[in-house]
Amino acid sequence: MKKWIKTVLVFIMAAALSGCSEWLQLEPESQLTREEFWRTGYDVEAVVAGTYKEMTELVKSLFKWGELRGDLFVPGVNIDPDDRRIMDDFIYPENELNRWNRLYRTINFANTVLKFAPLVVERDQTFDENESKALEAEALFLRSLCYFYLVRIFRDVPLVLEASENDAQDYYPAVSSEQEVFLQIIDDLQIAAQDLPTSYSKIEYTKGRATKSAAYALMADVYLYFEKYQACIEACNQVIGSGLYGLIDGDDWFMNFFPGNSNESIFELQFDKDLNQTNGLYQMCAPAFAGMYPDGNDEYRVSPYFVVEFEKYLSDRRGGNRTYFVFSGGGWYIYEKTYVLWKYVGTEGVPSTATDAVPTGFRVGSKESDAHWIIYRYPDILLLKAEALVQQRNFEAATDLINQIRTRAAIELISGINDKNNLEDIILEERAKEFCGEGKRWFDLIRMGRRNNYERMDRFIEILSKNKVYEEAEIIRSKYSNPDSWYLPIHQDEIDQNNKLVQNPYYINQ
């Protein structure tokens, strides 16, 4: 995106489409405004750019949805009370994290592109059908990505496929089943994969806009979640077979996060402080250090129990000074020793184990909060494929893929494992170490827990209750024995405003 996203027309459309805090109650736009705007191909490009911009506004929520209910983080001293309740598994419909309006705003941007882009082909002789289809494919990809988040977070959700534009539209849609949403996502991604380009003119566009490989990566993730294993493998093969991606050298692993746009990146949301494009990742993760750098909020810390897993292999190139940094001591920090999520705080990774030394690679305060948010990178594809192969009992091929990740990490390789659950657990551990803080852990856990009619629910509960005090562990075991609790409730404001919505049954009368 970068400069491509920075256009006055984007902000015109953003203002036009953001007049209501809850998109599902958005008032229709005037037909005059619509007709005046959609005249040239540049207008279509501007709204597609606006769709990406809407997606970037979601980054803090994507982190929270993917990590807070998992086991890789513990609360910092300045965590928001609503977020602490989520981490403590006291979840109520009024919690702010249960709001889905930003996802639906992004979907409405995409729907608007899909509605009006074909009309521009008739109006602008310099804008042909192929250009329109490519931009529509980007909209389909982003809409699919939003719905995949929605269905994993809330399960059954409204499936809105039309832009808000006239008084005849139904502004209070009913929910659709997760199966209906799945089918729509796959239909959209198959079209997108055909019409998207392989790359763009600049590296930040190729990594920051939807491509064929990005569509196949999302498709693979969706197929695996819905237990379509052969389809997942075939989608992964499209990315692997493209020859466009690879694992960067282990000593350079941190370059995935700073400066970003590495050779293994498939799709990441772009930020650039020089263009006033920042996010809250630095502030959330950096320590609170009164009046000096680092000047974060200390909201989330890497769990010390997870660090123990890393320290089983001190050679792991993803460990100390890379995924996390030990920060403590000497009067520098007023709290106890903490483990900082280094991916969004540091500017470099030092190839050594973690120490108590004051780090030298901190970003220069909150103005540096422009780390990209990576949605998919190449090791994700290798491990998604390995997971699908394990379900097909192709253990040898799965082991080969796992060992590619472990070789790059410089840890002990595995061999001769012919137990499905054992290999599945190894993949889950590798994904935790590779993607800690990238918003994937909770979704990895529920994918494992729901598989084969909740065959491994006990393992899911064991992971979440491990390292908890007795009372907390008992609450977790009781709560998560009901799979309805694995999904968030619809925010109470939405329920109050739309009587067609049906609350997740676990949260009724709470």
Protein backbone atom coordinates (compact mmCIF):
# COMPACT_ATOMS: atom_id res chain seq x y z
CA MET A 1 0.00 0.00 0.00
CA LYS A 2 2.18 2.86 1.36
CA LYS A 3 1.73 5.92 -0.88
CA TRP A 4 -0.80 4.04 -3.00
CA ILE A 5 -3.18 4.11 -0.03
CA LYS A 6 -2.63 7.79 0.74
CA THR A 7 -5.16 9.56 -1.44
CA VAL A 8 -7.80 12.17 -0.79
CA LEU A 9 -10.44 10.02 -2.42
CA VAL A 10 -9.93 7.31 0.16
CA PHE A 11 -10.74 9.72 2.92
CA ILE A 12 -13.77 11.01 1.03
CA MET A 13 -15.12 7.47 0.90
CA ALA A 14 -14.03 6.73 4.45
CA ALA A 15 -16.00 9.74 5.67
CA ALA A 16 -19.01 8.76 3.59
CA LEU A 17 -19.05 5.19 4.84
CA SER A 18 -18.21 5.72 8.50
CA GLY A 19 -21.12 7.85 9.67
CA CYS A 20 -22.37 5.20 12.09
CA SER A 21 -20.41 3.29 14.72
CA GLU A 22 -22.34 0.08 14.02
CA TRP A 23 -22.16 -0.82 10.34
CA LEU A 24 -25.16 -3.16 10.51
CA GLN A 25 -27.29 -0.10 11.21
CA LEU A 26 -25.60 2.10 8.59
CA GLU A 27 -27.93 4.60 6.97
CA PRO A 28 -28.04 4.39 3.16
CA GLU A 29 -25.98 6.82 1.11
CA SER A 30 -27.70 9.17 -1.31
CA GLN A 31 -27.78 7.99 -4.92
CA LEU A 32 -26.37 11.37 -5.95
CA THR A 33 -23.21 10.79 -3.94
CA ARG A 34 -22.79 7.37 -5.48
CA GLU A 35 -23.30 8.51 -9.07
CA GLU A 36 -20.94 11.44 -8.70
CA PHE A 37 -18.15 9.35 -7.26
CA TRP A 38 -17.97 6.21 -9.42
CA ARG A 39 -16.65 7.66 -12.69
CA THR A 40 -13.09 6.49 -13.29
CA GLY A 41 -10.86 3.53 -12.63
CA TYR A 42 -8.96 5.71 -10.20
CA ASP A 43 -12.12 5.94 -8.10
CA VAL A 44 -12.27 2.13 -7.90
CA GLU A 45 -8.59 1.96 -6.93
CA ALA A 46 -9.20 4.56 -4.23
CA VAL A 47 -11.97 2.55 -2.58
CA VAL A 48 -9.95 -0.68 -2.79
CA ALA A 49 -7.16 1.23 -1.04
CA GLY A 50 -9.72 2.37 1.51
CA THR A 51 -10.67 -1.26 2.11
CA TYR A 52 -7.08 -2.09 3.01
CA LYS A 53 -6.96 0.97 5.23
CA GLU A 54 -10.05 -0.23 7.07
CA MET A 55 -8.31 -3.57 7.56
CA THR A 56 -5.27 -1.87 9.09
CA GLU A 57 -7.51 -0.30 11.72
CA LEU A 58 -8.21 -3.84 12.96
CA VAL A 59 -4.68 -4.82 13.91
CA LYS A 60 -5.00 -4.38 17.68
CA SER A 61 -8.22 -6.38 17.65
CA LEU A 62 -6.67 -9.10 15.49
CA PHE A 63 -3.91 -9.44 18.06
CA LYS A 64 -6.39 -9.65 20.92
CA TRP A 65 -8.81 -12.06 19.21
CA GLY A 66 -5.97 -14.39 18.32
CA GLU A 67 -3.92 -14.27 21.52
CA LEU A 68 -5.74 -13.19 24.69
CA ARG A 69 -7.60 -16.45 25.30
CA GLY A 70 -4.58 -18.57 24.44
CA ASP A 71 -1.67 -19.58 26.64
CA LEU A 72 1.25 -17.56 25.24
CA PHE A 73 0.62 -14.26 27.06
CA VAL A 74 -0.03 -12.96 30.54
CA PRO A 75 -1.40 -9.55 31.53
CA GLY A 76 0.90 -6.57 31.96
CA VAL A 77 0.34 -3.97 34.66
CA ASN A 78 -1.56 -1.58 32.40
CA ILE A 79 -3.84 -4.00 30.62
CA ASP A 80 -7.33 -2.72 29.81
CA PRO A 81 -9.91 -4.14 32.27
CA ASP A 82 -12.02 -5.61 29.46
CA ASP A 83 -8.96 -7.36 28.05
CA ARG A 84 -8.05 -8.73 31.47
CA ARG A 85 -11.54 -10.19 31.80
CA ILE A 86 -11.07 -11.92 28.45
CA MET A 87 -7.73 -13.34 29.59
CA ASP A 88 -9.30 -14.45 32.87
CA ASP A 89 -12.18 -16.11 30.99
CA PHE A 90 -14.82 -13.83 32.49
CA ILE A 91 -16.51 -12.93 29.22
CA TYR A 92 -19.81 -11.08 29.00
CA PRO A 93 -21.77 -9.72 26.00
CA GLU A 94 -20.95 -6.13 27.02
CA ASN A 95 -17.17 -6.59 26.61
CA GLU A 96 -15.77 -4.16 24.02
CA LEU A 97 -13.80 -6.91 22.29
CA ASN A 98 -17.12 -8.45 21.25
CA ARG A 99 -17.78 -5.64 18.79
CA TRP A 100 -17.62 -6.71 15.16
CA ASN A 101 -18.45 -3.37 13.52
CA ARG A 102 -14.94 -2.72 12.15
CA LEU A 103 -14.94 -6.07 10.35
CA TYR A 104 -18.32 -5.27 8.82
CA ARG A 105 -17.15 -1.79 7.81
CA THR A 106 -14.33 -3.43 5.88
CA ILE A 107 -16.81 -5.85 4.34
CA ASN A 108 -19.01 -2.93 3.29
CA PHE A 109 -16.07 -1.27 1.55
CA ALA A 110 -15.45 -4.52 -0.33
CA ASN A 111 -19.13 -4.90 -1.19
CA THR A 112 -19.18 -1.36 -2.54
CA VAL A 113 -16.28 -2.13 -4.87
CA LEU A 114 -18.00 -5.30 -6.08
CA LYS A 115 -21.22 -3.38 -6.76
CA PHE A 116 -19.84 -0.36 -8.59
CA ALA A 117 -16.57 -1.38 -10.24
CA PRO A 118 -18.36 -3.05 -13.22
CA LEU A 119 -20.32 0.18 -13.82
CA VAL A 120 -17.09 2.16 -14.10
CA VAL A 121 -15.97 -0.07 -16.98
CA GLU A 122 -18.90 1.38 -18.96
CA ARG A 123 -18.05 4.95 -17.98
CA ASP A 124 -14.25 5.07 -18.27
CA GLN A 125 -12.83 3.94 -21.59
CA THR A 126 -9.33 3.75 -20.05
CA PHE A 127 -10.52 1.25 -17.42
CA ASP A 128 -11.07 -2.21 -18.91
CA GLU A 129 -12.80 -5.32 -17.63
CA ASN A 130 -9.56 -7.08 -16.70
CA GLU A 131 -8.49 -4.17 -14.48
CA SER A 132 -11.92 -4.17 -12.88
CA LYS A 133 -11.81 -7.92 -12.22
CA ALA A 134 -8.39 -7.64 -10.59
CA LEU A 135 -9.61 -4.93 -8.22
CA GLU A 136 -12.82 -6.83 -7.54
CA ALA A 137 -10.67 -9.86 -6.71
CA GLU A 138 -8.83 -7.82 -4.09
CA ALA A 139 -12.19 -6.90 -2.59
CA LEU A 140 -13.27 -10.55 -2.60
CA PHE A 141 -10.06 -11.54 -0.83
CA LEU A 142 -10.48 -8.92 1.89
CA ARG A 143 -14.15 -9.75 2.35
CA SER A 144 -13.24 -13.44 2.67
CA LEU A 145 -10.53 -12.67 5.20
CA CYS A 146 -12.97 -10.67 7.32
CA TYR A 147 -15.57 -13.44 7.22
CA PHE A 148 -12.98 -16.03 8.17
CA TYR A 149 -12.15 -14.00 11.25
CA LEU A 150 -15.84 -13.53 12.03
CA VAL A 151 -16.72 -17.21 11.75
CA ARG A 152 -13.81 -18.25 13.98
CA ILE A 153 -14.52 -15.57 16.58
CA PHE A 154 -18.33 -15.65 16.68
CA ARG A 155 -19.23 -18.81 14.65
CA ASP A 156 -22.68 -18.00 13.17
CA VAL A 157 -22.73 -14.42 11.82
CA PRO A 158 -24.69 -12.26 9.35
CA LEU A 159 -23.57 -12.93 5.78
CA VAL A 160 -23.90 -9.53 4.11
CA LEU A 161 -23.04 -9.54 0.40
CA GLU A 162 -24.58 -6.26 -0.74
CA ALA A 163 -23.35 -2.73 -0.14
CA SER A 164 -25.47 -0.32 1.84
CA GLU A 165 -26.88 2.00 -0.81
CA ASN A 166 -30.66 2.39 -0.82
CA ASP A 167 -33.72 2.42 1.41
CA ALA A 168 -34.93 -0.97 0.20
CA GLN A 169 -31.98 -2.82 1.72
CA ASP A 170 -32.49 -4.94 4.81
CA TYR A 171 -30.29 -3.32 7.48
CA TYR A 172 -31.03 -5.94 10.13
CA PRO A 173 -29.78 -9.22 8.67
CA ALA A 174 -30.19 -12.56 10.38
CA VAL A 175 -27.25 -14.80 11.16
CA SER A 176 -26.02 -17.45 8.75
CA SER A 177 -24.52 -20.75 9.82
CA GLU A 178 -20.76 -21.17 9.79
CA GLN A 179 -21.20 -23.70 6.97
CA GLU A 180 -22.94 -21.10 4.81
CA VAL A 181 -20.16 -18.62 5.52
CA PHE A 182 -17.54 -21.25 4.68
CA LEU A 183 -19.13 -21.97 1.29
CA GLN A 184 -19.29 -18.28 0.46
CA ILE A 185 -15.65 -17.76 1.42
CA ILE A 186 -14.51 -20.62 -0.80
CA ASP A 187 -16.61 -19.46 -3.75
CA ASP A 188 -15.17 -15.95 -3.44
CA LEU A 189 -11.57 -17.12 -3.07
CA GLN A 190 -11.76 -19.37 -6.10
CA ILE A 191 -12.76 -16.36 -8.18
CA ALA A 192 -10.14 -14.18 -6.53
CA ALA A 193 -7.35 -16.70 -7.15
CA GLN A 194 -8.13 -16.65 -10.86
CA ASP A 195 -8.25 -12.87 -11.23
CA LEU A 196 -5.54 -11.68 -8.84
CA PRO A 197 -2.05 -10.90 -10.14
CA THR A 198 1.01 -12.85 -9.10
CA SER A 199 2.81 -9.67 -8.08
CA TYR A 200 2.77 -5.88 -8.38
CA SER A 201 5.28 -3.25 -9.44
CA LYS A 202 6.73 -2.67 -5.96
CA ILE A 203 7.66 -5.05 -3.16
CA GLU A 204 5.42 -3.28 -0.64
CA TYR A 205 2.47 -3.76 -3.01
CA THR A 206 3.29 -7.41 -3.66
CA LYS A 207 3.45 -8.08 0.07
CA GLY A 208 0.74 -5.61 1.11
CA ARG A 209 -1.95 -6.29 -1.49
CA ALA A 210 -3.77 -9.50 -2.33
CA THR A 211 -2.06 -11.81 -4.81
CA LYS A 212 -2.82 -15.29 -6.12
CA SER A 213 -0.62 -16.76 -3.41
CA ALA A 214 -2.39 -14.75 -0.71
CA ALA A 215 -5.72 -16.12 -1.91
CA TYR A 216 -4.42 -19.70 -1.88
CA ALA A 217 -2.89 -19.19 1.58
CA LEU A 218 -6.23 -18.02 2.96
CA MET A 219 -7.97 -20.84 1.13
CA ALA A 220 -5.64 -23.41 2.71
CA ASP A 221 -6.32 -21.99 6.18
CA VAL A 222 -10.08 -22.07 5.61
CA TYR A 223 -10.03 -25.62 4.25
CA LEU A 224 -7.99 -26.87 7.22
CA TYR A 225 -10.33 -25.23 9.71
CA PHE A 226 -13.31 -26.94 8.08
CA GLU A 227 -11.49 -30.31 7.84
CA LYS A 228 -11.13 -30.41 4.05
CA TYR A 229 -7.63 -31.83 4.16
CA GLN A 230 -6.93 -32.70 0.54
CA ALA A 231 -8.23 -29.31 -0.57
CA CYS A 232 -5.95 -27.68 2.01
CA ILE A 233 -2.93 -29.57 0.67
CA GLU A 234 -3.74 -28.58 -2.91
CA ALA A 235 -4.06 -24.91 -1.95
CA CYS A 236 -0.73 -25.08 -0.08
CA ASN A 237 0.86 -26.66 -3.14
CA GLN A 238 -0.20 -23.66 -5.22
CA VAL A 239 1.87 -21.41 -2.95
CA ILE A 240 4.80 -23.80 -2.61
CA GLY A 241 4.83 -24.56 -6.31
CA SER A 242 4.90 -20.89 -7.26
CA GLY A 243 8.58 -20.77 -6.33
CA LEU A 244 8.11 -17.20 -5.08
CA TYR A 245 8.68 -17.83 -1.39
CA GLY A 246 11.17 -19.53 0.89
CA LEU A 247 12.44 -19.64 4.44
CA ILE A 248 14.95 -16.87 5.02
CA ASP A 249 18.19 -17.81 6.76
CA GLY A 250 17.70 -18.49 10.46
CA ASP A 251 20.17 -15.79 11.48
CA ASP A 252 17.96 -13.30 9.63
CA TRP A 253 14.67 -14.58 11.09
CA PHE A 254 13.92 -11.28 12.85
CA MET A 255 13.89 -9.46 9.51
CA ASN A 256 10.40 -10.89 9.01
CA PHE A 257 9.24 -8.25 11.50
CA PHE A 258 11.71 -5.45 11.02
CA PRO A 259 11.89 -4.17 8.36
CA GLY A 260 9.30 -6.69 7.09
CA ASN A 261 8.34 -7.63 3.51
CA SER A 262 10.78 -10.55 3.62
CA ASN A 263 11.08 -13.29 1.04
CA GLU A 264 8.83 -15.53 3.14
CA SER A 265 6.07 -12.93 3.48
CA ILE A 266 2.89 -13.70 1.52
CA PHE A 267 0.53 -11.01 2.81
CA GLU A 268 1.01 -8.41 5.50
CA LEU A 269 -0.78 -5.19 6.39
CA GLN A 270 1.64 -2.33 5.78
CA PHE A 271 2.46 0.64 8.01
CA ASP A 272 4.84 3.57 7.57
CA LYS A 273 5.34 6.22 10.24
CA ASP A 274 6.58 8.68 7.59
CA LEU A 275 3.07 8.56 6.13
CA ASN A 276 1.42 8.72 9.57
CA GLN A 277 0.45 5.05 9.23
CA THR A 278 1.00 3.45 12.62
CA ASN A 279 -0.61 0.86 14.86
CA GLY A 280 -0.67 0.15 18.57
CA LEU A 281 1.60 -2.92 18.62
CA TYR A 282 4.61 -1.13 20.12
CA GLN A 283 2.59 0.54 22.86
CA MET A 284 0.80 -2.71 23.77
CA CYS A 285 3.99 -4.75 24.07
CA ALA A 286 6.78 -2.40 25.20
CA PRO A 287 7.45 -1.97 28.93
CA ALA A 288 6.15 1.11 30.73
CA PHE A 289 9.28 3.03 31.60
CA ALA A 290 8.53 6.33 33.29
CA GLY A 291 9.60 9.28 31.18
CA MET A 292 12.16 7.39 29.11
CA TYR A 293 12.37 4.79 26.36
CA PRO A 294 10.96 2.23 26.11
CA ASP A 295 7.72 4.13 26.58
CA GLY A 296 5.10 1.44 26.09
CA ASN A 297 1.97 0.59 28.03
CA ASP A 298 3.02 -2.85 29.29
CA GLU A 299 -0.35 -4.37 28.44
CA TYR A 300 0.74 -7.89 27.45
CA ARG A 301 3.81 -9.94 28.31
CA VAL A 302 5.02 -13.23 26.94
CA SER A 303 4.16 -15.98 29.41
CA PRO A 304 7.12 -17.18 31.50
CA TYR A 305 5.77 -20.73 31.05
CA PHE A 306 6.05 -20.36 27.29
CA VAL A 307 9.61 -19.07 27.66
CA VAL A 308 10.44 -22.33 29.46
CA GLU A 309 9.40 -24.20 26.31
CA PHE A 310 11.75 -22.06 24.25
CA GLU A 311 14.59 -22.61 26.69
CA LYS A 312 14.47 -26.35 26.11
CA TYR A 313 16.46 -25.50 22.97
CA LEU A 314 18.75 -22.58 23.73
CA SER A 315 19.91 -22.75 20.11
CA ASP A 316 16.42 -21.87 18.84
CA ARG A 317 16.89 -18.88 16.57
CA ARG A 318 13.36 -17.70 17.38
CA GLY A 319 13.93 -17.55 21.13
CA GLY A 320 15.66 -15.00 23.35
CA ASN A 321 16.23 -11.55 21.81
CA ARG A 322 13.96 -12.41 18.91
CA THR A 323 10.47 -13.55 19.87
CA TYR A 324 10.93 -12.20 23.39
CA PHE A 325 13.45 -10.20 25.41
CA VAL A 326 14.11 -10.44 29.12
CA PHE A 327 13.78 -6.97 30.67
CA SER A 328 14.63 -6.32 34.30
CA GLY A 329 16.94 -5.10 37.02
CA GLY A 330 19.33 -2.41 38.03
CA GLY A 331 16.75 0.22 38.92
CA TRP A 332 15.83 0.54 35.26
CA TYR A 333 12.46 -1.05 35.62
CA ILE A 334 10.06 -0.68 38.52
CA TYR A 335 8.38 -4.05 38.03
CA GLU A 336 9.58 -7.64 38.21
CA LYS A 337 11.45 -9.39 35.42
CA THR A 338 9.27 -9.46 32.32
CA TYR A 339 9.36 -11.07 28.92
CA VAL A 340 8.72 -8.45 26.24
CA LEU A 341 7.26 -9.50 22.89
CA TRP A 342 10.25 -8.33 20.90
CA LYS A 343 8.74 -8.71 17.41
CA TYR A 344 6.95 -5.36 17.62
CA VAL A 345 9.36 -3.56 19.93
CA GLY A 346 12.87 -4.24 18.66
CA THR A 347 14.58 -3.15 15.49
CA GLU A 348 16.94 -6.11 15.38
CA GLY A 349 17.33 -9.58 16.77
CA VAL A 350 20.57 -10.54 18.42
CA PRO A 351 21.67 -14.15 17.77
CA SER A 352 22.17 -15.10 21.40
CA THR A 353 20.15 -16.36 24.34
CA ALA A 354 18.23 -13.86 26.41
CA THR A 355 20.08 -11.99 29.15
CA ASP A 356 19.24 -9.39 31.76
CA ALA A 357 21.13 -6.71 29.88
CA VAL A 358 19.34 -3.54 28.82
CA PRO A 359 18.54 -4.02 25.12
CA THR A 360 20.18 -1.78 22.56
CA GLY A 361 17.75 -2.32 19.72
CA PHE A 362 14.57 -0.72 21.03
CA ARG A 363 12.47 1.29 18.64
CA VAL A 364 12.56 5.02 19.34
CA GLY A 365 9.32 5.22 21.26
CA SER A 366 5.74 5.11 20.08
CA LYS A 367 6.50 7.03 16.88
CA GLU A 368 8.13 3.81 15.67
CA SER A 369 4.89 1.86 15.99
CA ASP A 370 4.77 0.88 12.35
CA ALA A 371 5.68 -2.80 12.39
CA HIS A 372 3.73 -4.60 9.69
CA TRP A 373 1.03 -7.06 10.70
CA ILE A 374 1.75 -10.36 8.97
CA ILE A 375 -1.30 -12.38 7.97
CA TYR A 376 0.52 -15.17 6.12
CA ARG A 377 4.14 -16.12 5.58
CA TYR A 378 5.74 -19.20 4.06
CA PRO A 379 6.27 -21.29 7.24
CA ASP A 380 2.53 -20.98 7.87
CA ILE A 381 1.90 -22.76 4.57
CA LEU A 382 4.40 -25.52 5.37
CA LEU A 383 2.82 -26.18 8.76
CA LEU A 384 -0.76 -25.97 7.48
CA LYS A 385 0.11 -28.59 4.88
CA ALA A 386 1.88 -30.73 7.50
CA GLU A 387 -1.20 -30.59 9.71
CA ALA A 388 -3.44 -31.71 6.86
CA LEU A 389 -1.01 -34.53 5.98
CA VAL A 390 -1.07 -35.75 9.59
CA GLN A 391 -4.86 -36.00 9.41
CA GLN A 392 -4.42 -38.14 6.29
CA ARG A 393 -1.88 -40.22 8.23
CA ASN A 394 0.91 -39.31 5.83
CA PHE A 395 3.34 -38.96 8.70
CA GLU A 396 6.57 -39.10 6.71
CA ALA A 397 5.64 -36.21 4.41
CA ALA A 398 4.39 -34.19 7.38
CA THR A 399 7.65 -34.83 9.25
CA ASP A 400 9.68 -33.54 6.30
CA LEU A 401 7.77 -30.24 6.36
CA ILE A 402 8.08 -29.88 10.13
CA ASN A 403 11.81 -30.49 9.86
CA GLN A 404 12.18 -27.65 7.36
CA ILE A 405 10.95 -25.32 10.09
CA ARG A 406 13.08 -26.94 12.79
CA THR A 407 16.19 -26.88 10.59
CA ARG A 408 15.82 -23.15 10.05
CA ALA A 409 15.28 -22.73 13.81
CA ALA A 410 18.45 -24.77 14.51
CA ILE A 411 16.74 -27.23 16.83
CA GLU A 412 16.68 -31.01 16.98
CA LEU A 413 14.94 -32.75 14.07
CA ILE A 414 12.23 -35.34 14.56
CA SER A 415 11.93 -38.78 12.97
CA GLY A 416 10.02 -42.04 13.13
CA ILE A 417 6.88 -40.61 14.74
CA ASN A 418 3.80 -42.51 13.62
CA ASP A 419 1.30 -41.30 16.18
CA LYS A 420 -1.23 -38.77 14.86
CA ASN A 421 -1.81 -36.96 18.14
CA ASN A 422 1.90 -36.74 18.90
CA LEU A 423 2.68 -35.16 15.53
CA GLU A 424 -0.30 -32.84 15.84
CA ASP A 425 1.05 -31.63 19.20
CA ILE A 426 4.51 -31.06 17.70
CA ILE A 427 2.99 -28.95 14.93
CA LEU A 428 1.00 -26.98 17.49
CA GLU A 429 4.19 -26.29 19.46
CA GLU A 430 6.10 -25.26 16.34
CA ARG A 431 3.30 -22.90 15.37
CA ALA A 432 3.36 -21.37 18.86
CA LYS A 433 7.09 -20.69 18.62
CA GLU A 434 7.04 -19.49 15.03
CA PHE A 435 3.93 -17.28 15.25
CA CYS A 436 3.82 -16.10 18.88
CA GLY A 437 2.11 -12.71 18.93
CA GLU A 438 0.96 -12.92 15.29
CA GLY A 439 -2.69 -13.49 16.23
CA LYS A 440 -2.88 -17.22 15.47
CA ARG A 441 -2.66 -19.16 18.73
CA TRP A 442 -6.33 -19.19 19.77
CA PHE A 443 -7.45 -20.15 16.27
CA ASP A 444 -4.86 -22.95 16.18
CA LEU A 445 -6.17 -24.28 19.48
CA ILE A 446 -9.85 -24.29 18.56
CA ARG A 447 -9.06 -25.84 15.17
CA MET A 448 -7.39 -28.71 17.00
CA GLY A 449 -10.07 -28.91 19.68
CA ARG A 450 -13.09 -29.07 17.36
CA ARG A 451 -11.59 -31.48 14.86
CA ASN A 452 -13.26 -34.88 14.31
CA ASN A 453 -16.30 -34.01 16.40
CA TYR A 454 -14.25 -32.66 19.34
CA GLU A 455 -12.05 -35.74 19.47
CA ARG A 456 -9.29 -33.85 21.32
CA MET A 457 -11.36 -31.53 23.48
CA ASP A 458 -9.57 -32.86 26.55
CA ARG A 459 -6.22 -31.85 25.07
CA PHE A 460 -7.59 -28.39 24.24
CA ILE A 461 -8.72 -27.93 27.85
CA GLU A 462 -5.46 -29.34 29.19
CA ILE A 463 -3.40 -26.77 27.29
CA LEU A 464 -5.53 -23.87 28.55
CA SER A 465 -5.68 -25.03 32.18
CA LYS A 466 -2.01 -25.94 32.46
CA ASN A 467 0.01 -23.61 34.70
CA LYS A 468 -3.13 -22.16 36.28
CA VAL A 469 -3.82 -22.23 40.00
CA TYR A 470 -6.37 -24.84 41.06
CA GLU A 471 -9.41 -22.56 41.18
CA GLU A 472 -8.66 -21.00 37.78
CA ALA A 473 -8.01 -24.40 36.21
CA GLU A 474 -11.37 -25.69 37.49
CA ILE A 475 -13.18 -22.71 35.98
CA ILE A 476 -11.47 -23.32 32.63
CA ARG A 477 -12.30 -27.03 32.66
CA SER A 478 -15.93 -26.31 33.44
CA LYS A 479 -16.32 -23.51 30.90
CA TYR A 480 -14.53 -25.02 27.92
CA SER A 481 -16.23 -28.39 28.28
CA ASN A 482 -19.05 -26.57 26.46
CA PRO A 483 -17.81 -25.76 22.91
CA ASP A 484 -20.25 -22.84 22.66
CA SER A 485 -17.93 -21.03 25.07
CA TRP A 486 -15.08 -21.23 22.55
CA TYR A 487 -16.72 -18.39 20.61
CA LEU A 488 -17.31 -14.85 21.77
CA PRO A 489 -20.81 -13.52 22.40
CA ILE A 490 -22.35 -10.99 20.05
CA HIS A 491 -22.09 -7.60 21.71
CA GLN A 492 -25.24 -6.73 23.63
CA ASP A 493 -25.72 -3.49 21.66
CA GLU A 494 -26.10 -5.52 18.45
CA ILE A 495 -28.61 -7.86 20.07
CA ASP A 496 -30.64 -4.90 21.37
CA GLN A 497 -30.75 -3.23 17.96
CA ASN A 498 -31.41 -6.25 15.74
CA ASN A 499 -33.99 -8.77 16.86
CA LYS A 500 -32.94 -11.14 14.06
CA LEU A 501 -29.64 -11.84 15.74
CA VAL A 502 -29.37 -14.93 17.92
CA GLN A 503 -26.99 -14.80 20.85
CA ASN A 504 -24.45 -17.55 21.36
CA PRO A 505 -26.40 -19.85 23.74
CA TYR A 506 -23.55 -20.07 26.24
CA TYR A 507 -23.94 -16.36 27.07
CA ILE A 508 -27.72 -16.14 27.31
CA ASN A 509 -28.81 -14.81 30.73
CA GLN A 510 -25.24 -13.95 31.73
